[in-house]
Amino acid sequence: MAKRGKRQKKNPVIKHFGNLGFTNRLAIYIMIFLAVGLAGGFYLAVRSIQYNFTGSLLCWTVVFTPIGTACSVVLSRIVDKNKAENTGADGEGITYAKAKAQNFVQNEETYINSPPI
């Protein structure tokens, strides 16, 4: 049993994911999904070569191409959304302006007490 009153250290990756907003997490999940799809296609190609299969791999291409296209559309919209959110009226980035106002010192309490954006 863990001692009472003593906090366990969180994994920094999990802590970072907790600080991200929904759309940024969605973008990371989509990138992981695309990486798994690419790895699956590579594995299928290696196995096809291993068994001297000389036909096309339509079973993978036909299924994964529309999924990859949809993922690229969603990712581009997420980038556009983040770009629009982080640009002020004068063209200066909102995140940069906030950091500049705080003399470029990261305040840990800001991230703990505020909901994700």
N, C-alpha and C. Protein backbone atom coordinates (compact mmCIF):
# COMPACT_ATOMS: atom_id res chain seq x y z
N MET A 1 0.83 -1.18 0.00
CA MET A 1 0.00 0.00 0.00
C MET A 1 0.88 1.25 0.00
N ALA A 2 0.40 2.25 -0.67
CA ALA A 2 1.13 3.51 -0.74
C ALA A 2 0.89 4.31 0.54
N LYS A 3 1.90 5.08 0.91
CA LYS A 3 1.77 5.92 2.09
C LYS A 3 0.77 7.03 1.82
N ARG A 4 0.02 7.36 2.83
CA ARG A 4 -0.94 8.45 2.69
C ARG A 4 -0.21 9.79 2.69
N GLY A 5 -0.74 10.70 1.92
CA GLY A 5 -0.17 12.04 1.89
C GLY A 5 0.97 12.19 0.90
N LYS A 6 1.44 11.11 0.35
CA LYS A 6 2.53 11.17 -0.61
C LYS A 6 1.97 10.98 -2.01
N ARG A 7 2.25 11.92 -2.88
CA ARG A 7 1.75 11.84 -4.25
C ARG A 7 2.66 10.97 -5.10
N GLN A 8 2.01 10.19 -5.96
CA GLN A 8 2.79 9.42 -6.92
C GLN A 8 3.06 10.30 -8.13
N LYS A 9 4.26 10.19 -8.69
CA LYS A 9 4.60 10.98 -9.87
C LYS A 9 3.87 10.41 -11.07
N LYS A 10 3.26 11.32 -11.84
CA LYS A 10 2.59 10.91 -13.06
C LYS A 10 3.61 10.80 -14.18
N ASN A 11 3.33 9.92 -15.09
CA ASN A 11 4.13 9.79 -16.28
C ASN A 11 4.05 11.12 -17.04
N PRO A 12 5.16 11.71 -17.48
CA PRO A 12 5.11 13.01 -18.16
C PRO A 12 4.29 12.99 -19.45
N VAL A 13 4.26 11.86 -20.13
CA VAL A 13 3.47 11.77 -21.37
C VAL A 13 1.98 11.83 -21.02
N ILE A 14 1.57 11.09 -20.00
CA ILE A 14 0.16 11.10 -19.58
C ILE A 14 -0.21 12.48 -19.05
N LYS A 15 0.67 13.11 -18.32
CA LYS A 15 0.42 14.47 -17.82
C LYS A 15 0.24 15.44 -18.98
N HIS A 16 1.07 15.31 -20.00
CA HIS A 16 0.97 16.18 -21.18
C HIS A 16 -0.35 15.95 -21.91
N PHE A 17 -0.77 14.70 -22.04
CA PHE A 17 -2.05 14.41 -22.69
C PHE A 17 -3.20 15.02 -21.90
N GLY A 18 -3.09 15.05 -20.58
CA GLY A 18 -4.13 15.65 -19.75
C GLY A 18 -4.26 17.14 -19.97
N ASN A 19 -3.15 17.79 -20.34
CA ASN A 19 -3.16 19.24 -20.58
C ASN A 19 -3.63 19.61 -21.98
N LEU A 20 -3.68 18.63 -22.88
CA LEU A 20 -4.10 18.91 -24.25
C LEU A 20 -5.61 19.01 -24.35
N GLY A 21 -6.06 19.77 -25.30
CA GLY A 21 -7.49 19.85 -25.57
C GLY A 21 -7.94 18.65 -26.40
N PHE A 22 -9.25 18.56 -26.61
CA PHE A 22 -9.81 17.41 -27.32
C PHE A 22 -9.29 17.30 -28.74
N THR A 23 -9.28 18.41 -29.48
CA THR A 23 -8.88 18.33 -30.89
C THR A 23 -7.41 17.97 -31.05
N ASN A 24 -6.57 18.43 -30.14
CA ASN A 24 -5.15 18.06 -30.23
C ASN A 24 -4.95 16.59 -29.91
N ARG A 25 -5.69 16.07 -28.94
CA ARG A 25 -5.62 14.63 -28.66
C ARG A 25 -6.15 13.82 -29.85
N LEU A 26 -7.24 14.32 -30.45
CA LEU A 26 -7.80 13.65 -31.62
C LEU A 26 -6.76 13.58 -32.74
N ALA A 27 -6.03 14.66 -32.96
CA ALA A 27 -5.00 14.69 -34.00
C ALA A 27 -3.91 13.66 -33.72
N ILE A 28 -3.52 13.53 -32.47
CA ILE A 28 -2.49 12.54 -32.12
C ILE A 28 -3.01 11.13 -32.32
N TYR A 29 -4.26 10.89 -31.93
CA TYR A 29 -4.84 9.56 -32.13
C TYR A 29 -4.95 9.22 -33.62
N ILE A 30 -5.29 10.20 -34.44
CA ILE A 30 -5.38 9.97 -35.89
C ILE A 30 -3.99 9.65 -36.45
N MET A 31 -2.97 10.35 -35.98
CA MET A 31 -1.61 10.07 -36.45
C MET A 31 -1.17 8.66 -36.05
N ILE A 32 -1.54 8.24 -34.85
CA ILE A 32 -1.21 6.88 -34.41
C ILE A 32 -1.95 5.87 -35.29
N PHE A 33 -3.22 6.15 -35.59
CA PHE A 33 -4.01 5.28 -36.45
C PHE A 33 -3.38 5.16 -37.83
N LEU A 34 -2.92 6.28 -38.39
CA LEU A 34 -2.27 6.25 -39.70
C LEU A 34 -0.96 5.47 -39.65
N ALA A 35 -0.21 5.62 -38.56
CA ALA A 35 1.05 4.88 -38.42
C ALA A 35 0.79 3.38 -38.34
N VAL A 36 -0.26 2.99 -37.61
CA VAL A 36 -0.61 1.56 -37.53
C VAL A 36 -1.04 1.05 -38.90
N GLY A 37 -1.79 1.86 -39.65
CA GLY A 37 -2.19 1.47 -41.00
C GLY A 37 -1.01 1.30 -41.93
N LEU A 38 -0.04 2.20 -41.81
CA LEU A 38 1.17 2.10 -42.63
C LEU A 38 1.97 0.85 -42.26
N ALA A 39 2.09 0.58 -40.97
CA ALA A 39 2.81 -0.61 -40.52
C ALA A 39 2.08 -1.88 -40.98
N GLY A 40 0.75 -1.87 -40.94
CA GLY A 40 -0.01 -3.02 -41.40
C GLY A 40 0.18 -3.26 -42.89
N GLY A 41 0.20 -2.19 -43.68
CA GLY A 41 0.44 -2.33 -45.11
C GLY A 41 1.84 -2.85 -45.39
N PHE A 42 2.81 -2.39 -44.64
CA PHE A 42 4.18 -2.87 -44.81
C PHE A 42 4.27 -4.36 -44.47
N TYR A 43 3.63 -4.75 -43.38
CA TYR A 43 3.63 -6.16 -42.98
C TYR A 43 2.98 -7.03 -44.05
N LEU A 44 1.85 -6.56 -44.57
CA LEU A 44 1.16 -7.30 -45.63
C LEU A 44 2.04 -7.43 -46.88
N ALA A 45 2.74 -6.37 -47.23
CA ALA A 45 3.63 -6.41 -48.40
C ALA A 45 4.79 -7.39 -48.17
N VAL A 46 5.36 -7.39 -46.98
CA VAL A 46 6.46 -8.31 -46.68
C VAL A 46 5.98 -9.76 -46.76
N ARG A 47 4.81 -10.02 -46.19
CA ARG A 47 4.27 -11.38 -46.24
C ARG A 47 3.94 -11.79 -47.68
N SER A 48 3.47 -10.85 -48.48
CA SER A 48 3.17 -11.16 -49.89
C SER A 48 4.43 -11.52 -50.65
N ILE A 49 5.50 -10.81 -50.38
CA ILE A 49 6.78 -11.11 -51.03
C ILE A 49 7.29 -12.47 -50.55
N GLN A 50 7.12 -12.72 -49.26
CA GLN A 50 7.60 -13.98 -48.68
C GLN A 50 6.90 -15.19 -49.32
N TYR A 51 5.63 -15.06 -49.66
CA TYR A 51 4.89 -16.17 -50.25
C TYR A 51 4.76 -16.05 -51.77
N ASN A 52 5.60 -15.20 -52.39
CA ASN A 52 5.65 -15.03 -53.84
C ASN A 52 4.31 -14.64 -54.45
N PHE A 53 3.55 -13.82 -53.77
CA PHE A 53 2.29 -13.32 -54.30
C PHE A 53 2.62 -12.16 -55.23
N THR A 54 2.19 -12.25 -56.49
CA THR A 54 2.53 -11.22 -57.46
C THR A 54 1.36 -10.32 -57.83
N GLY A 55 0.20 -10.52 -57.21
CA GLY A 55 -0.96 -9.69 -57.50
C GLY A 55 -0.93 -8.39 -56.72
N SER A 56 -1.94 -7.60 -56.97
CA SER A 56 -2.02 -6.33 -56.23
C SER A 56 -2.63 -6.57 -54.85
N LEU A 57 -2.36 -5.65 -53.95
CA LEU A 57 -2.86 -5.78 -52.59
C LEU A 57 -4.11 -4.92 -52.41
N LEU A 58 -5.10 -5.18 -53.24
CA LEU A 58 -6.33 -4.38 -53.20
C LEU A 58 -7.07 -4.53 -51.87
N CYS A 59 -6.92 -5.68 -51.23
CA CYS A 59 -7.62 -5.89 -49.96
C CYS A 59 -7.22 -4.82 -48.94
N TRP A 60 -6.00 -4.33 -49.02
CA TRP A 60 -5.54 -3.29 -48.09
C TRP A 60 -5.74 -1.90 -48.69
N THR A 61 -5.39 -1.73 -49.93
CA THR A 61 -5.42 -0.42 -50.57
C THR A 61 -6.83 0.15 -50.65
N VAL A 62 -7.79 -0.67 -51.06
CA VAL A 62 -9.16 -0.20 -51.24
C VAL A 62 -9.77 0.21 -49.91
N VAL A 63 -9.42 -0.49 -48.86
CA VAL A 63 -9.99 -0.17 -47.54
C VAL A 63 -9.29 1.02 -46.92
N PHE A 64 -7.97 1.10 -47.02
CA PHE A 64 -7.23 2.11 -46.27
C PHE A 64 -7.13 3.46 -46.97
N THR A 65 -7.25 3.51 -48.28
CA THR A 65 -7.13 4.79 -48.99
C THR A 65 -8.20 5.80 -48.58
N PRO A 66 -9.49 5.44 -48.55
CA PRO A 66 -10.47 6.43 -48.10
C PRO A 66 -10.30 6.83 -46.64
N ILE A 67 -9.86 5.88 -45.82
CA ILE A 67 -9.63 6.20 -44.41
C ILE A 67 -8.49 7.20 -44.28
N GLY A 68 -7.41 7.00 -45.03
CA GLY A 68 -6.29 7.93 -45.02
C GLY A 68 -6.68 9.30 -45.53
N THR A 69 -7.51 9.35 -46.55
CA THR A 69 -7.98 10.63 -47.09
C THR A 69 -8.82 11.37 -46.06
N ALA A 70 -9.74 10.66 -45.42
CA ALA A 70 -10.57 11.28 -44.39
C ALA A 70 -9.72 11.79 -43.23
N CYS A 71 -8.71 11.03 -42.84
CA CYS A 71 -7.82 11.46 -41.76
C CYS A 71 -7.06 12.72 -42.15
N SER A 72 -6.61 12.81 -43.39
CA SER A 72 -5.88 14.01 -43.81
C SER A 72 -6.78 15.23 -43.81
N VAL A 73 -8.06 15.07 -44.18
CA VAL A 73 -8.99 16.19 -44.15
C VAL A 73 -9.22 16.66 -42.72
N VAL A 74 -9.42 15.70 -41.81
CA VAL A 74 -9.65 16.06 -40.41
C VAL A 74 -8.41 16.73 -39.82
N LEU A 75 -7.23 16.20 -40.11
CA LEU A 75 -6.01 16.80 -39.59
C LEU A 75 -5.81 18.22 -40.12
N SER A 76 -6.12 18.45 -41.38
CA SER A 76 -5.96 19.81 -41.92
C SER A 76 -6.94 20.77 -41.26
N ARG A 77 -8.14 20.32 -40.95
CA ARG A 77 -9.11 21.18 -40.25
C ARG A 77 -8.67 21.48 -38.83
N ILE A 78 -8.05 20.50 -38.18
CA ILE A 78 -7.55 20.72 -36.82
C ILE A 78 -6.43 21.76 -36.85
N VAL A 79 -5.55 21.68 -37.83
CA VAL A 79 -4.48 22.66 -37.95
C VAL A 79 -5.06 24.05 -38.22
N ASP A 80 -6.05 24.14 -39.10
CA ASP A 80 -6.70 25.43 -39.38
C ASP A 80 -7.36 26.00 -38.13
N LYS A 81 -8.01 25.15 -37.36
CA LYS A 81 -8.67 25.59 -36.12
C LYS A 81 -7.65 26.12 -35.12
N ASN A 82 -6.56 25.38 -34.94
CA ASN A 82 -5.52 25.83 -34.01
C ASN A 82 -4.87 27.12 -34.47
N LYS A 83 -4.68 27.25 -35.77
CA LYS A 83 -4.09 28.47 -36.31
C LYS A 83 -5.01 29.67 -36.04
N ALA A 84 -6.32 29.48 -36.26
CA ALA A 84 -7.28 30.56 -36.03
C ALA A 84 -7.38 30.91 -34.55
N GLU A 85 -7.31 29.91 -33.67
CA GLU A 85 -7.41 30.18 -32.24
C GLU A 85 -6.18 30.88 -31.69
N ASN A 86 -5.03 30.64 -32.28
CA ASN A 86 -3.78 31.15 -31.72
C ASN A 86 -3.25 32.38 -32.43
N THR A 87 -4.09 33.08 -33.14
CA THR A 87 -3.67 34.31 -33.80
C THR A 87 -4.58 35.44 -33.34
N GLY A 88 -3.97 36.51 -32.86
CA GLY A 88 -4.74 37.67 -32.41
C GLY A 88 -5.10 38.56 -33.58
N ALA A 89 -5.81 39.63 -33.27
CA ALA A 89 -6.25 40.57 -34.31
C ALA A 89 -5.08 41.28 -34.98
N ASP A 90 -4.01 41.49 -34.24
CA ASP A 90 -2.85 42.19 -34.80
C ASP A 90 -1.87 41.23 -35.49
N GLY A 91 -2.22 39.94 -35.54
CA GLY A 91 -1.35 38.97 -36.19
C GLY A 91 -0.38 38.30 -35.24
N GLU A 92 -0.26 38.81 -34.03
CA GLU A 92 0.62 38.19 -33.05
C GLU A 92 -0.07 36.98 -32.45
N GLY A 93 0.65 35.92 -32.24
CA GLY A 93 0.06 34.71 -31.69
C GLY A 93 -0.43 34.92 -30.27
N ILE A 94 -1.59 34.38 -29.95
CA ILE A 94 -2.16 34.54 -28.62
C ILE A 94 -1.30 33.84 -27.58
N THR A 95 -0.83 32.65 -27.89
CA THR A 95 0.02 31.92 -26.96
C THR A 95 1.31 32.68 -26.71
N TYR A 96 1.90 33.25 -27.75
CA TYR A 96 3.11 34.03 -27.60
C TYR A 96 2.84 35.28 -26.77
N ALA A 97 1.72 35.96 -27.02
CA ALA A 97 1.39 37.17 -26.27
C ALA A 97 1.18 36.85 -24.79
N LYS A 98 0.56 35.72 -24.49
CA LYS A 98 0.35 35.33 -23.09
C LYS A 98 1.69 35.04 -22.42
N ALA A 99 2.56 34.31 -23.11
CA ALA A 99 3.87 34.00 -22.55
C ALA A 99 4.69 35.28 -22.36
N LYS A 100 4.58 36.20 -23.30
CA LYS A 100 5.30 37.47 -23.21
C LYS A 100 4.80 38.28 -22.01
N ALA A 101 3.49 38.26 -21.77
CA ALA A 101 2.92 38.98 -20.63
C ALA A 101 3.39 38.38 -19.31
N GLN A 102 3.69 37.08 -19.28
CA GLN A 102 4.17 36.42 -18.07
C GLN A 102 5.69 36.33 -18.03
N ASN A 103 6.36 37.14 -18.86
CA ASN A 103 7.83 37.15 -18.95
C ASN A 103 8.39 35.77 -19.27
N PHE A 104 7.66 35.00 -20.07
CA PHE A 104 8.08 33.69 -20.57
C PHE A 104 8.37 32.70 -19.45
N VAL A 105 7.62 32.80 -18.34
CA VAL A 105 7.73 31.86 -17.23
C VAL A 105 6.44 31.04 -17.21
N GLN A 106 6.59 29.72 -17.24
CA GLN A 106 5.43 28.85 -17.25
C GLN A 106 4.93 28.69 -15.83
N ASN A 107 3.65 29.01 -15.63
CA ASN A 107 3.03 28.89 -14.34
C ASN A 107 2.29 27.57 -14.28
N GLU A 108 2.75 26.64 -13.43
CA GLU A 108 2.17 25.30 -13.36
C GLU A 108 0.73 25.33 -12.84
N GLU A 109 0.38 26.29 -11.98
CA GLU A 109 -0.97 26.37 -11.44
C GLU A 109 -2.00 26.69 -12.52
N THR A 110 -1.59 27.41 -13.54
CA THR A 110 -2.49 27.76 -14.63
C THR A 110 -3.03 26.50 -15.29
N TYR A 111 -2.19 25.51 -15.46
CA TYR A 111 -2.59 24.29 -16.14
C TYR A 111 -3.39 23.37 -15.23
N ILE A 112 -3.16 23.42 -13.94
CA ILE A 112 -3.86 22.54 -13.01
C ILE A 112 -5.28 23.05 -12.76
N ASN A 113 -5.44 24.36 -12.61
CA ASN A 113 -6.72 24.90 -12.19
C ASN A 113 -7.65 25.28 -13.35
N SER A 114 -7.19 25.23 -14.55
CA SER A 114 -8.04 25.65 -15.66
C SER A 114 -8.40 24.44 -16.52
N PRO A 115 -9.61 24.48 -17.10
CA PRO A 115 -9.98 23.38 -17.99
C PRO A 115 -9.22 23.47 -19.29
N PRO A 116 -9.10 22.35 -20.00
CA PRO A 116 -8.38 22.39 -21.29
C PRO A 116 -9.15 23.22 -22.31
N ILE A 117 -8.40 23.88 -23.16
CA ILE A 117 -9.00 24.74 -24.17
C ILE A 117 -9.26 23.94 -25.42
